[in-house]
């Protein structure tokens, strides 16, 4: 069973920074992509950032220029560096790993709360 364990959430003031970490129990090359989703109260879960097995990245428009997703393949870790945080970034952040072959499957972390005050 694949496990994703997150850490790094917390409370910060607007303009501050946080770094989220996600530790995978298997090699990240087992997955086509890994990413960070976020869900605010009363809203659908949205993809904030993703990175493919080849290293290509994608960002939601509202976080471009502020968030950076990266990985350490040797340690099975994926990070989300969040700078210039805004109150609208407040959400539960979930680590995600996606496999599409031989069949599609998504794995999820437990979620970590990020709260930005102002």
PDB file of N, CA and C in Angstrom:
ATOM      1  N   UNK A   1       0.849  -1.181   0.000  1.00  0.00           N
ATOM      2  CA  UNK A   1       0.000   0.000   0.000  1.00  0.00           C
ATOM      3  C   UNK A   1       0.891   1.240   0.000  1.00  0.00           C
ATOM      4  N   UNK A   2       0.641   2.143  -0.938  1.00  0.00           N
ATOM      5  CA  UNK A   2       1.384   3.389  -1.040  1.00  0.00           C
ATOM      6  C   UNK A   2       0.929   4.334   0.060  1.00  0.00           C
ATOM      7  N   UNK A   3       1.889   4.972   0.716  1.00  0.00           N
ATOM      8  CA  UNK A   3       1.585   5.968   1.735  1.00  0.00           C
ATOM      9  C   UNK A   3       2.274   7.282   1.405  1.00  0.00           C
ATOM     10  N   UNK A   4       1.561   8.375   1.606  1.00  0.00           N
ATOM     11  CA  UNK A   4       2.086   9.719   1.443  1.00  0.00           C
ATOM     12  C   UNK A   4       1.933  10.442   2.774  1.00  0.00           C
ATOM     13  N   UNK A   5       3.025  10.944   3.314  1.00  0.00           N
ATOM     14  CA  UNK A   5       3.023  11.589   4.615  1.00  0.00           C
ATOM     15  C   UNK A   5       3.486  13.025   4.465  1.00  0.00           C
ATOM     16  N   UNK A   6       2.637  13.962   4.890  1.00  0.00           N
ATOM     17  CA  UNK A   6       2.898  15.381   4.716  1.00  0.00           C
ATOM     18  C   UNK A   6       3.356  16.029   6.011  1.00  0.00           C
ATOM     19  N   UNK A   7       4.078  17.132   5.860  1.00  0.00           N
ATOM     20  CA  UNK A   7       4.487  17.939   7.000  1.00  0.00           C
ATOM     21  C   UNK A   7       4.754  19.358   6.520  1.00  0.00           C
ATOM     22  N   UNK A   8       4.824  20.296   7.448  1.00  0.00           N
ATOM     23  CA  UNK A   8       5.222  21.656   7.139  1.00  0.00           C
ATOM     24  C   UNK A   8       4.129  22.704   7.181  1.00  0.00           C
ATOM     25  N   UNK A   9       2.881  22.298   7.370  1.00  0.00           N
ATOM     26  CA  UNK A   9       1.808  23.270   7.456  1.00  0.00           C
ATOM     27  C   UNK A   9       1.879  24.067   8.742  1.00  0.00           C
ATOM     28  N   UNK A  10       1.104  25.140   8.789  1.00  0.00           N
ATOM     29  CA  UNK A  10       1.096  25.967   9.974  1.00  0.00           C
ATOM     30  C   UNK A  10       0.424  27.294   9.743  1.00  0.00           C
ATOM     31  N   UNK A  11       0.647  28.210  10.680  1.00  0.00           N
ATOM     32  CA  UNK A  11       0.066  29.544  10.657  1.00  0.00           C
ATOM     33  C   UNK A  11       1.154  30.569  10.362  1.00  0.00           C
ATOM     34  N   UNK A  12       0.919  31.395   9.340  1.00  0.00           N
ATOM     35  CA  UNK A  12       1.870  32.446   8.981  1.00  0.00           C
ATOM     36  C   UNK A  12       1.124  33.730   8.680  1.00  0.00           C
ATOM     37  N   UNK A  13       1.837  34.845   8.761  1.00  0.00           N
ATOM     38  CA  UNK A  13       1.278  36.131   8.380  1.00  0.00           C
ATOM     39  C   UNK A  13       1.383  36.330   6.876  1.00  0.00           C
ATOM     40  N   UNK A  14       0.489  37.153   6.332  1.00  0.00           N
ATOM     41  CA  UNK A  14       0.551  37.475   4.911  1.00  0.00           C
ATOM     42  C   UNK A  14       1.938  37.985   4.542  1.00  0.00           C
ATOM     43  N   UNK A  15       2.439  37.510   3.409  1.00  0.00           N
ATOM     44  CA  UNK A  15       3.777  37.862   2.968  1.00  0.00           C
ATOM     45  C   UNK A  15       4.846  36.895   3.421  1.00  0.00           C
ATOM     46  N   UNK A  16       4.503  35.987   4.312  1.00  0.00           N
ATOM     47  CA  UNK A  16       5.451  35.021   4.818  1.00  0.00           C
ATOM     48  C   UNK A  16       5.599  33.815   3.910  1.00  0.00           C
ATOM     49  N   UNK A  17       6.393  32.843   4.367  1.00  0.00           N
ATOM     50  CA  UNK A  17       6.700  31.658   3.571  1.00  0.00           C
ATOM     51  C   UNK A  17       6.531  30.388   4.384  1.00  0.00           C
ATOM     52  N   UNK A  18       6.209  29.311   3.695  1.00  0.00           N
ATOM     53  CA  UNK A  18       6.155  27.974   4.261  1.00  0.00           C
ATOM     54  C   UNK A  18       6.690  26.994   3.232  1.00  0.00           C
ATOM     55  N   UNK A  19       7.225  25.882   3.709  1.00  0.00           N
ATOM     56  CA  UNK A  19       7.664  24.807   2.836  1.00  0.00           C
ATOM     57  C   UNK A  19       7.004  23.513   3.267  1.00  0.00           C
ATOM     58  N   UNK A  20       6.174  22.950   2.397  1.00  0.00           N
ATOM     59  CA  UNK A  20       5.523  21.683   2.654  1.00  0.00           C
ATOM     60  C   UNK A  20       6.360  20.540   2.108  1.00  0.00           C
ATOM     61  N   UNK A  21       6.340  19.411   2.804  1.00  0.00           N
ATOM     62  CA  UNK A  21       7.055  18.221   2.370  1.00  0.00           C
ATOM     63  C   UNK A  21       6.100  17.043   2.305  1.00  0.00           C
ATOM     64  N   UNK A  22       6.330  16.159   1.349  1.00  0.00           N
ATOM     65  CA  UNK A  22       5.550  14.940   1.197  1.00  0.00           C
ATOM     66  C   UNK A  22       6.516  13.788   0.996  1.00  0.00           C
ATOM     67  N   UNK A  23       6.465  12.812   1.889  1.00  0.00           N
ATOM     68  CA  UNK A  23       7.323  11.636   1.811  1.00  0.00           C
ATOM     69  C   UNK A  23       6.522  10.463   1.273  1.00  0.00           C
ATOM     70  N   UNK A  24       7.003   9.864   0.194  1.00  0.00           N
ATOM     71  CA  UNK A  24       6.347   8.717  -0.417  1.00  0.00           C
ATOM     72  C   UNK A  24       7.024   7.423   0.025  1.00  0.00           C
ATOM     73  N   UNK A  25       6.229   6.375   0.191  1.00  0.00           N
ATOM     74  CA  UNK A  25       6.758   5.089   0.643  1.00  0.00           C
ATOM     75  C   UNK A  25       7.383   4.271  -0.481  1.00  0.00           C
ATOM     76  N   UNK A  26       7.220   4.697  -1.725  1.00  0.00           N
ATOM     77  CA  UNK A  26       7.812   4.040  -2.885  1.00  0.00           C
ATOM     78  C   UNK A  26       8.487   5.086  -3.754  1.00  0.00           C
ATOM     79  N   UNK A  27       9.261   4.626  -4.737  1.00  0.00           N
ATOM     80  CA  UNK A  27       9.937   5.542  -5.645  1.00  0.00           C
ATOM     81  C   UNK A  27       8.935   6.436  -6.364  1.00  0.00           C
ATOM     82  N   UNK A  28       9.276   7.710  -6.499  1.00  0.00           N
ATOM     83  CA  UNK A  28       8.399   8.633  -7.211  1.00  0.00           C
ATOM     84  C   UNK A  28       8.304   8.324  -8.693  1.00  0.00           C
ATOM     85  N   UNK A  29       9.241   7.549  -9.210  1.00  0.00           N
ATOM     86  CA  UNK A  29       9.166   7.124 -10.612  1.00  0.00           C
ATOM     87  C   UNK A  29       8.106   6.055 -10.822  1.00  0.00           C
ATOM     88  N   UNK A  30       7.472   5.606  -9.740  1.00  0.00           N
ATOM     89  CA  UNK A  30       6.319   4.728  -9.851  1.00  0.00           C
ATOM     90  C   UNK A  30       5.096   5.478 -10.369  1.00  0.00           C
ATOM     91  N   UNK A  31       5.164   6.819 -10.356  1.00  0.00           N
ATOM     92  CA  UNK A  31       4.018   7.657 -10.681  1.00  0.00           C
ATOM     93  C   UNK A  31       4.286   8.510 -11.911  1.00  0.00           C
ATOM     94  N   UNK A  32       3.223   8.795 -12.649  1.00  0.00           N
ATOM     95  CA  UNK A  32       3.322   9.686 -13.799  1.00  0.00           C
ATOM     96  C   UNK A  32       3.468  11.136 -13.367  1.00  0.00           C
ATOM     97  N   UNK A  33       2.869  11.478 -12.229  1.00  0.00           N
ATOM     98  CA  UNK A  33       2.946  12.840 -11.727  1.00  0.00           C
ATOM     99  C   UNK A  33       2.679  12.857 -10.236  1.00  0.00           C
ATOM    100  N   UNK A  34       3.216  13.870  -9.581  1.00  0.00           N
ATOM    101  CA  UNK A  34       2.881  14.154  -8.199  1.00  0.00           C
ATOM    102  C   UNK A  34       2.477  15.614  -8.115  1.00  0.00           C
ATOM    103  N   UNK A  35       1.654  15.923  -7.140  1.00  0.00           N
ATOM    104  CA  UNK A  35       1.198  17.292  -7.044  1.00  0.00           C
ATOM    105  C   UNK A  35       0.678  17.652  -5.674  1.00  0.00           C
ATOM    106  N   UNK A  36       0.357  18.926  -5.548  1.00  0.00           N
ATOM    107  CA  UNK A  36      -0.251  19.466  -4.347  1.00  0.00           C
ATOM    108  C   UNK A  36      -1.608  20.048  -4.699  1.00  0.00           C
ATOM    109  N   UNK A  37      -2.642  19.503  -4.091  1.00  0.00           N
ATOM    110  CA  UNK A  37      -3.984  20.040  -4.180  1.00  0.00           C
ATOM    111  C   UNK A  37      -4.288  20.824  -2.916  1.00  0.00           C
ATOM    112  N   UNK A  38      -5.259  21.714  -3.022  1.00  0.00           N
ATOM    113  CA  UNK A  38      -5.695  22.433  -1.834  1.00  0.00           C
ATOM    114  C   UNK A  38      -7.208  22.575  -1.854  1.00  0.00           C
ATOM    115  N   UNK A  39      -7.788  22.615  -0.668  1.00  0.00           N
ATOM    116  CA  UNK A  39      -9.227  22.721  -0.532  1.00  0.00           C
ATOM    117  C   UNK A  39      -9.569  23.679   0.598  1.00  0.00           C
ATOM    118  N   UNK A  40     -10.232  24.767   0.244  1.00  0.00           N
ATOM    119  CA  UNK A  40     -10.722  25.726   1.215  1.00  0.00           C
ATOM    120  C   UNK A  40     -12.143  25.341   1.620  1.00  0.00           C
ATOM    121  N   UNK A  41     -12.606  25.772   2.797  1.00  0.00           N
ATOM    122  CA  UNK A  41     -13.958  25.429   3.240  1.00  0.00           C
ATOM    123  C   UNK A  41     -15.017  25.826   2.215  1.00  0.00           C
ATOM    124  N   UNK A  42     -15.914  24.902   1.898  1.00  0.00           N
ATOM    125  CA  UNK A  42     -16.997  25.172   0.973  1.00  0.00           C
ATOM    126  C   UNK A  42     -16.612  25.177  -0.488  1.00  0.00           C
ATOM    127  N   UNK A  43     -15.364  24.867  -0.809  1.00  0.00           N
ATOM    128  CA  UNK A  43     -14.900  24.873  -2.190  1.00  0.00           C
ATOM    129  C   UNK A  43     -14.394  23.500  -2.605  1.00  0.00           C
ATOM    130  N   UNK A  44     -14.358  23.275  -3.914  1.00  0.00           N
ATOM    131  CA  UNK A  44     -13.818  22.035  -4.445  1.00  0.00           C
ATOM    132  C   UNK A  44     -12.302  22.015  -4.330  1.00  0.00           C
ATOM    133  N   UNK A  45     -11.771  20.823  -4.270  1.00  0.00           N
ATOM    134  CA  UNK A  45     -10.331  20.656  -4.256  1.00  0.00           C
ATOM    135  C   UNK A  45      -9.760  21.082  -5.609  1.00  0.00           C
ATOM    136  N   UNK A  46      -8.683  21.862  -5.597  1.00  0.00           N
ATOM    137  CA  UNK A  46      -8.071  22.330  -6.826  1.00  0.00           C
ATOM    138  C   UNK A  46      -6.584  22.001  -6.832  1.00  0.00           C
ATOM    139  N   UNK A  47      -6.057  21.804  -8.021  1.00  0.00           N
ATOM    140  CA  UNK A  47      -4.639  21.503  -8.187  1.00  0.00           C
ATOM    141  C   UNK A  47      -3.845  22.798  -8.148  1.00  0.00           C
ATOM    142  N   UNK A  48      -2.968  22.927  -7.158  1.00  0.00           N
ATOM    143  CA  UNK A  48      -2.131  24.111  -7.046  1.00  0.00           C
ATOM    144  C   UNK A  48      -0.845  23.983  -7.859  1.00  0.00           C
ATOM    145  N   UNK A  49      -0.231  22.811  -7.832  1.00  0.00           N
ATOM    146  CA  UNK A  49       1.030  22.597  -8.530  1.00  0.00           C
ATOM    147  C   UNK A  49       1.243  21.116  -8.765  1.00  0.00           C
ATOM    148  N   UNK A  50       1.915  20.771  -9.852  1.00  0.00           N
ATOM    149  CA  UNK A  50       2.215  19.375 -10.152  1.00  0.00           C
ATOM    150  C   UNK A  50       3.580  19.265 -10.815  1.00  0.00           C
ATOM    151  N   UNK A  51       4.142  18.072 -10.741  1.00  0.00           N
ATOM    152  CA  UNK A  51       5.417  17.795 -11.390  1.00  0.00           C
ATOM    153  C   UNK A  51       5.370  16.377 -11.935  1.00  0.00           C
ATOM    154  N   UNK A  52       5.786  16.202 -13.189  1.00  0.00           N
ATOM    155  CA  UNK A  52       5.759  14.890 -13.817  1.00  0.00           C
ATOM    156  C   UNK A  52       7.032  14.125 -13.497  1.00  0.00           C
ATOM    157  N   UNK A  53       7.056  12.851 -13.873  1.00  0.00           N
ATOM    158  CA  UNK A  53       8.234  12.028 -13.645  1.00  0.00           C
ATOM    159  C   UNK A  53       9.443  12.541 -14.413  1.00  0.00           C
ATOM    160  N   UNK A  54       9.217  13.283 -15.497  1.00  0.00           N
ATOM    161  CA  UNK A  54      10.303  13.858 -16.279  1.00  0.00           C
ATOM    162  C   UNK A  54      10.742  15.229 -15.779  1.00  0.00           C
ATOM    163  N   UNK A  55      10.012  15.795 -14.811  1.00  0.00           N
ATOM    164  CA  UNK A  55      10.395  17.063 -14.228  1.00  0.00           C
ATOM    165  C   UNK A  55       9.621  18.278 -14.697  1.00  0.00           C
ATOM    166  N   UNK A  56       8.669  18.106 -15.602  1.00  0.00           N
ATOM    167  CA  UNK A  56       7.860  19.228 -16.053  1.00  0.00           C
ATOM    168  C   UNK A  56       6.912  19.672 -14.954  1.00  0.00           C
ATOM    169  N   UNK A  57       6.747  20.985 -14.791  1.00  0.00           N
ATOM    170  CA  UNK A  57       5.903  21.531 -13.736  1.00  0.00           C
ATOM    171  C   UNK A  57       4.727  22.294 -14.304  1.00  0.00           C
ATOM    172  N   UNK A  58       3.676  22.389 -13.501  1.00  0.00           N
ATOM    173  CA  UNK A  58       2.482  23.124 -13.869  1.00  0.00           C
ATOM    174  C   UNK A  58       1.929  23.787 -12.619  1.00  0.00           C
ATOM    175  N   UNK A  59       1.438  25.036 -12.766  1.00  0.00           N
ATOM    176  CA  UNK A  59       0.936  25.801 -11.633  1.00  0.00           C
ATOM    177  C   UNK A  59      -0.404  26.421 -11.943  1.00  0.00           C
ATOM    178  N   UNK A  60      -1.251  26.474 -10.929  1.00  0.00           N
ATOM    179  CA  UNK A  60      -2.491  27.217 -11.021  1.00  0.00           C
ATOM    180  C   UNK A  60      -2.149  28.701 -11.139  1.00  0.00           C
ATOM    181  N   UNK A  61      -2.925  29.442 -11.904  1.00  0.00           N
ATOM    182  CA  UNK A  61      -2.573  30.824 -12.216  1.00  0.00           C
ATOM    183  C   UNK A  61      -2.337  31.684 -10.973  1.00  0.00           C
ATOM    184  N   UNK A  62      -3.142  31.491  -9.946  1.00  0.00           N
ATOM    185  CA  UNK A  62      -3.056  32.360  -8.779  1.00  0.00           C
ATOM    186  C   UNK A  62      -1.790  32.155  -7.950  1.00  0.00           C
ATOM    187  N   UNK A  63      -1.075  31.054  -8.165  1.00  0.00           N
ATOM    188  CA  UNK A  63       0.139  30.791  -7.390  1.00  0.00           C
ATOM    189  C   UNK A  63       1.407  30.931  -8.222  1.00  0.00           C
ATOM    190  N   UNK A  64       1.281  31.172  -9.510  1.00  0.00           N
ATOM    191  CA  UNK A  64       2.456  31.318 -10.371  1.00  0.00           C
ATOM    192  C   UNK A  64       3.333  32.466  -9.891  1.00  0.00           C
ATOM    193  N   UNK A  65       4.624  32.210  -9.828  1.00  0.00           N
ATOM    194  CA  UNK A  65       5.573  33.210  -9.369  1.00  0.00           C
ATOM    195  C   UNK A  65       5.755  33.231  -7.875  1.00  0.00           C
ATOM    196  N   UNK A  66       4.876  32.552  -7.134  1.00  0.00           N
ATOM    197  CA  UNK A  66       4.968  32.525  -5.678  1.00  0.00           C
ATOM    198  C   UNK A  66       5.285  31.131  -5.135  1.00  0.00           C
ATOM    199  N   UNK A  67       4.749  30.101  -5.784  1.00  0.00           N
ATOM    200  CA  UNK A  67       4.950  28.715  -5.342  1.00  0.00           C
ATOM    201  C   UNK A  67       5.923  28.001  -6.274  1.00  0.00           C
ATOM    202  N   UNK A  68       6.701  27.087  -5.714  1.00  0.00           N
ATOM    203  CA  UNK A  68       7.604  26.256  -6.493  1.00  0.00           C
ATOM    204  C   UNK A  68       7.507  24.817  -6.017  1.00  0.00           C
ATOM    205  N   UNK A  69       7.210  23.900  -6.938  1.00  0.00           N
ATOM    206  CA  UNK A  69       7.192  22.483  -6.610  1.00  0.00           C
ATOM    207  C   UNK A  69       8.514  21.869  -7.049  1.00  0.00           C
ATOM    208  N   UNK A  70       9.058  20.998  -6.231  1.00  0.00           N
ATOM    209  CA  UNK A  70      10.319  20.341  -6.542  1.00  0.00           C
ATOM    210  C   UNK A  70      10.333  18.957  -5.909  1.00  0.00           C
ATOM    211  N   UNK A  71      11.342  18.172  -6.235  1.00  0.00           N
ATOM    212  CA  UNK A  71      11.424  16.815  -5.704  1.00  0.00           C
ATOM    213  C   UNK A  71      12.863  16.419  -5.457  1.00  0.00           C
ATOM    214  N   UNK A  72      13.028  15.458  -4.569  1.00  0.00           N
ATOM    215  CA  UNK A  72      14.306  14.817  -4.318  1.00  0.00           C
ATOM    216  C   UNK A  72      14.065  13.329  -4.558  1.00  0.00           C
ATOM    217  N   UNK A  73      14.422  12.853  -5.734  1.00  0.00           N
ATOM    218  CA  UNK A  73      14.117  11.475  -6.108  1.00  0.00           C
ATOM    219  C   UNK A  73      14.800  10.454  -5.200  1.00  0.00           C
ATOM    220  N   UNK A  74      16.025  10.746  -4.788  1.00  0.00           N
ATOM    221  CA  UNK A  74      16.767   9.809  -3.957  1.00  0.00           C
ATOM    222  C   UNK A  74      16.105   9.601  -2.599  1.00  0.00           C
ATOM    223  N   UNK A  75      15.416  10.619  -2.110  1.00  0.00           N
ATOM    224  CA  UNK A  75      14.779  10.548  -0.801  1.00  0.00           C
ATOM    225  C   UNK A  75      13.271  10.345  -0.875  1.00  0.00           C
ATOM    226  N   UNK A  76      12.738  10.210  -2.077  1.00  0.00           N
ATOM    227  CA  UNK A  76      11.292  10.046  -2.282  1.00  0.00           C
ATOM    228  C   UNK A  76      10.501  11.187  -1.635  1.00  0.00           C
ATOM    229  N   UNK A  77      10.958  12.409  -1.856  1.00  0.00           N
ATOM    230  CA  UNK A  77      10.334  13.589  -1.280  1.00  0.00           C
ATOM    231  C   UNK A  77       9.904  14.563  -2.363  1.00  0.00           C
ATOM    232  N   UNK A  78       8.752  15.163  -2.173  1.00  0.00           N
ATOM    233  CA  UNK A  78       8.303  16.260  -3.019  1.00  0.00           C
ATOM    234  C   UNK A  78       8.000  17.448  -2.116  1.00  0.00           C
ATOM    235  N   UNK A  79       8.373  18.641  -2.570  1.00  0.00           N
ATOM    236  CA  UNK A  79       8.228  19.846  -1.770  1.00  0.00           C
ATOM    237  C   UNK A  79       7.328  20.857  -2.459  1.00  0.00           C
ATOM    238  N   UNK A  80       6.739  21.710  -1.655  1.00  0.00           N
ATOM    239  CA  UNK A  80       6.057  22.882  -2.170  1.00  0.00           C
ATOM    240  C   UNK A  80       6.546  24.093  -1.378  1.00  0.00           C
ATOM    241  N   UNK A  81       7.387  24.901  -2.016  1.00  0.00           N
ATOM    242  CA  UNK A  81       7.857  26.138  -1.407  1.00  0.00           C
ATOM    243  C   UNK A  81       6.842  27.228  -1.713  1.00  0.00           C
ATOM    244  N   UNK A  82       6.292  27.835  -0.679  1.00  0.00           N
ATOM    245  CA  UNK A  82       5.258  28.849  -0.827  1.00  0.00           C
ATOM    246  C   UNK A  82       5.778  30.169  -0.285  1.00  0.00           C
ATOM    247  N   UNK A  83       5.916  31.151  -1.162  1.00  0.00           N
ATOM    248  CA  UNK A  83       6.394  32.480  -0.791  1.00  0.00           C
ATOM    249  C   UNK A  83       5.303  33.513  -1.005  1.00  0.00           C
ATOM    250  N   UNK A  84       5.465  34.664  -0.358  1.00  0.00           N
ATOM    251  CA  UNK A  84       4.500  35.756  -0.473  1.00  0.00           C
ATOM    252  C   UNK A  84       3.074  35.244  -0.282  1.00  0.00           C
ATOM    253  N   UNK A  85       2.857  34.540   0.800  1.00  0.00           N
ATOM    254  CA  UNK A  85       1.551  33.941   1.052  1.00  0.00           C
ATOM    255  C   UNK A  85       0.479  34.994   1.275  1.00  0.00           C
ATOM    256  N   UNK A  86      -0.714  34.682   0.809  1.00  0.00           N
ATOM    257  CA  UNK A  86      -1.862  35.564   0.905  1.00  0.00           C
ATOM    258  C   UNK A  86      -2.972  34.868   1.679  1.00  0.00           C
ATOM    259  N   UNK A  87      -3.877  35.634   2.309  1.00  0.00           N
ATOM    260  CA  UNK A  87      -4.978  34.999   3.044  1.00  0.00           C
ATOM    261  C   UNK A  87      -5.784  34.022   2.187  1.00  0.00           C
ATOM    262  N   UNK A  88      -5.917  34.285   0.896  1.00  0.00           N
ATOM    263  CA  UNK A  88      -6.668  33.389   0.026  1.00  0.00           C
ATOM    264  C   UNK A  88      -5.966  32.056  -0.235  1.00  0.00           C
ATOM    265  N   UNK A  89      -4.721  31.923   0.209  1.00  0.00           N
ATOM    266  CA  UNK A  89      -4.028  30.644   0.132  1.00  0.00           C
ATOM    267  C   UNK A  89      -4.426  29.708   1.269  1.00  0.00           C
ATOM    268  N   UNK A  90      -5.167  30.211   2.236  1.00  0.00           N
ATOM    269  CA  UNK A  90      -5.592  29.393   3.371  1.00  0.00           C
ATOM    270  C   UNK A  90      -6.426  28.207   2.892  1.00  0.00           C
ATOM    271  N   UNK A  91      -5.998  26.998   3.249  1.00  0.00           N
ATOM    272  CA  UNK A  91      -6.664  25.781   2.807  1.00  0.00           C
ATOM    273  C   UNK A  91      -5.986  24.584   3.452  1.00  0.00           C
ATOM    274  N   UNK A  92      -6.611  23.423   3.302  1.00  0.00           N
ATOM    275  CA  UNK A  92      -5.943  22.168   3.598  1.00  0.00           C
ATOM    276  C   UNK A  92      -5.223  21.741   2.332  1.00  0.00           C
ATOM    277  N   UNK A  93      -3.945  21.453   2.446  1.00  0.00           N
ATOM    278  CA  UNK A  93      -3.129  21.058   1.304  1.00  0.00           C
ATOM    279  C   UNK A  93      -2.891  19.558   1.342  1.00  0.00           C
ATOM    280  N   UNK A  94      -3.133  18.893   0.199  1.00  0.00           N
ATOM    281  CA  UNK A  94      -3.020  17.446   0.083  1.00  0.00           C
ATOM    282  C   UNK A  94      -1.945  17.070  -0.929  1.00  0.00           C
ATOM    283  N   UNK A  95      -1.087  16.152  -0.558  1.00  0.00           N
ATOM    284  CA  UNK A  95      -0.141  15.567  -1.492  1.00  0.00           C
ATOM    285  C   UNK A  95      -0.857  14.511  -2.323  1.00  0.00           C
ATOM    286  N   UNK A  96      -0.561  14.471  -3.623  1.00  0.00           N
ATOM    287  CA  UNK A  96      -1.198  13.536  -4.543  1.00  0.00           C
ATOM    288  C   UNK A  96      -0.150  12.854  -5.415  1.00  0.00           C
ATOM    289  N   UNK A  97      -0.342  11.567  -5.653  1.00  0.00           N
ATOM    290  CA  UNK A  97       0.477  10.820  -6.599  1.00  0.00           C
ATOM    291  C   UNK A  97      -0.450  10.098  -7.569  1.00  0.00           C
ATOM    292  N   UNK A  98      -0.159  10.224  -8.866  1.00  0.00           N
ATOM    293  CA  UNK A  98      -1.026   9.667  -9.897  1.00  0.00           C
ATOM    294  C   UNK A  98      -0.288   8.646 -10.744  1.00  0.00           C
ATOM    295  N   UNK A  99      -0.939   7.512 -10.928  1.00  0.00           N
ATOM    296  CA  UNK A  99      -0.467   6.462 -11.820  1.00  0.00           C
ATOM    297  C   UNK A  99      -1.515   6.247 -12.898  1.00  0.00           C
ATOM    298  N   UNK A 100      -1.110   6.156 -14.159  1.00  0.00           N
ATOM    299  CA  UNK A 100      -2.074   6.008 -15.256  1.00  0.00           C
ATOM    300  C   UNK A 100      -1.952   4.683 -16.002  1.00  0.00           C
ATOM    301  N   UNK A 101      -0.888   3.943 -15.778  1.00  0.00           N
ATOM    302  CA  UNK A 101      -0.688   2.671 -16.456  1.00  0.00           C
ATOM    303  C   UNK A 101      -0.125   1.647 -15.494  1.00  0.00           C
ATOM    304  N   UNK A 102      -0.654   0.412 -15.469  1.00  0.00           N
ATOM    305  CA  UNK A 102      -1.630  -0.182 -16.385  1.00  0.00           C
ATOM    306  C   UNK A 102      -3.068   0.274 -16.174  1.00  0.00           C
ATOM    307  N   UNK A 103      -3.355   0.897 -15.030  1.00  0.00           N
ATOM    308  CA  UNK A 103      -4.664   1.470 -14.781  1.00  0.00           C
ATOM    309  C   UNK A 103      -4.495   2.738 -13.962  1.00  0.00           C
ATOM    310  N   UNK A 104      -5.444   3.655 -14.069  1.00  0.00           N
ATOM    311  CA  UNK A 104      -5.354   4.930 -13.380  1.00  0.00           C
ATOM    312  C   UNK A 104      -5.684   4.785 -11.898  1.00  0.00           C
ATOM    313  N   UNK A 105      -4.874   5.403 -11.067  1.00  0.00           N
ATOM    314  CA  UNK A 105      -5.122   5.400  -9.639  1.00  0.00           C
ATOM    315  C   UNK A 105      -4.468   6.618  -9.003  1.00  0.00           C
ATOM    316  N   UNK A 106      -5.148   7.173  -8.026  1.00  0.00           N
ATOM    317  CA  UNK A 106      -4.647   8.326  -7.289  1.00  0.00           C
ATOM    318  C   UNK A 106      -4.453   7.982  -5.822  1.00  0.00           C
ATOM    319  N   UNK A 107      -3.321   8.394  -5.282  1.00  0.00           N
ATOM    320  CA  UNK A 107      -3.025   8.239  -3.871  1.00  0.00           C
ATOM    321  C   UNK A 107      -3.005   9.617  -3.223  1.00  0.00           C
ATOM    322  N   UNK A 108      -3.441   9.680  -1.970  1.00  0.00           N
ATOM    323  CA  UNK A 108      -3.575  10.956  -1.273  1.00  0.00           C
ATOM    324  C   UNK A 108      -2.924  10.925   0.100  1.00  0.00           C
ATOM    325  N   UNK A 109      -2.328  12.043   0.467  1.00  0.00           N
ATOM    326  CA  UNK A 109      -1.865  12.227   1.827  1.00  0.00           C
ATOM    327  C   UNK A 109      -3.011  12.603   2.737  1.00  0.00           C
ATOM    328  N   UNK A 110      -2.712  12.765   4.008  1.00  0.00           N
ATOM    329  CA  UNK A 110      -3.747  13.037   5.000  1.00  0.00           C
ATOM    330  C   UNK A 110      -4.205  14.494   5.007  1.00  0.00           C
ATOM    331  N   UNK A 111      -3.430  15.375   4.420  1.00  0.00           N
ATOM    332  CA  UNK A 111      -3.730  16.787   4.400  1.00  0.00           C
ATOM    333  C   UNK A 111      -3.046  17.532   5.526  1.00  0.00           C
ATOM    334  N   UNK A 112      -2.598  18.746   5.240  1.00  0.00           N
ATOM    335  CA  UNK A 112      -1.983  19.590   6.250  1.00  0.00           C
ATOM    336  C   UNK A 112      -2.547  21.000   6.121  1.00  0.00           C
ATOM    337  N   UNK A 113      -2.896  21.593   7.252  1.00  0.00           N
ATOM    338  CA  UNK A 113      -3.559  22.893   7.261  1.00  0.00           C
ATOM    339  C   UNK A 113      -2.549  24.016   7.087  1.00  0.00           C
ATOM    340  N   UNK A 114      -2.853  24.920   6.159  1.00  0.00           N
ATOM    341  CA  UNK A 114      -2.090  26.156   5.978  1.00  0.00           C
ATOM    342  C   UNK A 114      -3.040  27.320   6.226  1.00  0.00           C
ATOM    343  N   UNK A 115      -2.693  28.170   7.177  1.00  0.00           N
ATOM    344  CA  UNK A 115      -3.515  29.329   7.505  1.00  0.00           C
ATOM    345  C   UNK A 115      -2.669  30.589   7.385  1.00  0.00           C
ATOM    346  N   UNK A 116      -3.153  31.544   6.595  1.00  0.00           N
ATOM    347  CA  UNK A 116      -2.450  32.803   6.373  1.00  0.00           C
ATOM    348  C   UNK A 116      -3.299  33.926   6.941  1.00  0.00           C
ATOM    349  N   UNK A 117      -2.754  34.660   7.886  1.00  0.00           N
ATOM    350  CA  UNK A 117      -3.475  35.731   8.549  1.00  0.00           C
ATOM    351  C   UNK A 117      -3.014  37.094   8.052  1.00  0.00           C
ATOM    352  N   UNK A 118      -3.868  38.099   8.240  1.00  0.00           N
ATOM    353  CA  UNK A 118      -3.538  39.464   7.862  1.00  0.00           C
ATOM    354  C   UNK A 118      -4.354  40.440   8.681  1.00  0.00           C
TER     355      UNK A 118
END
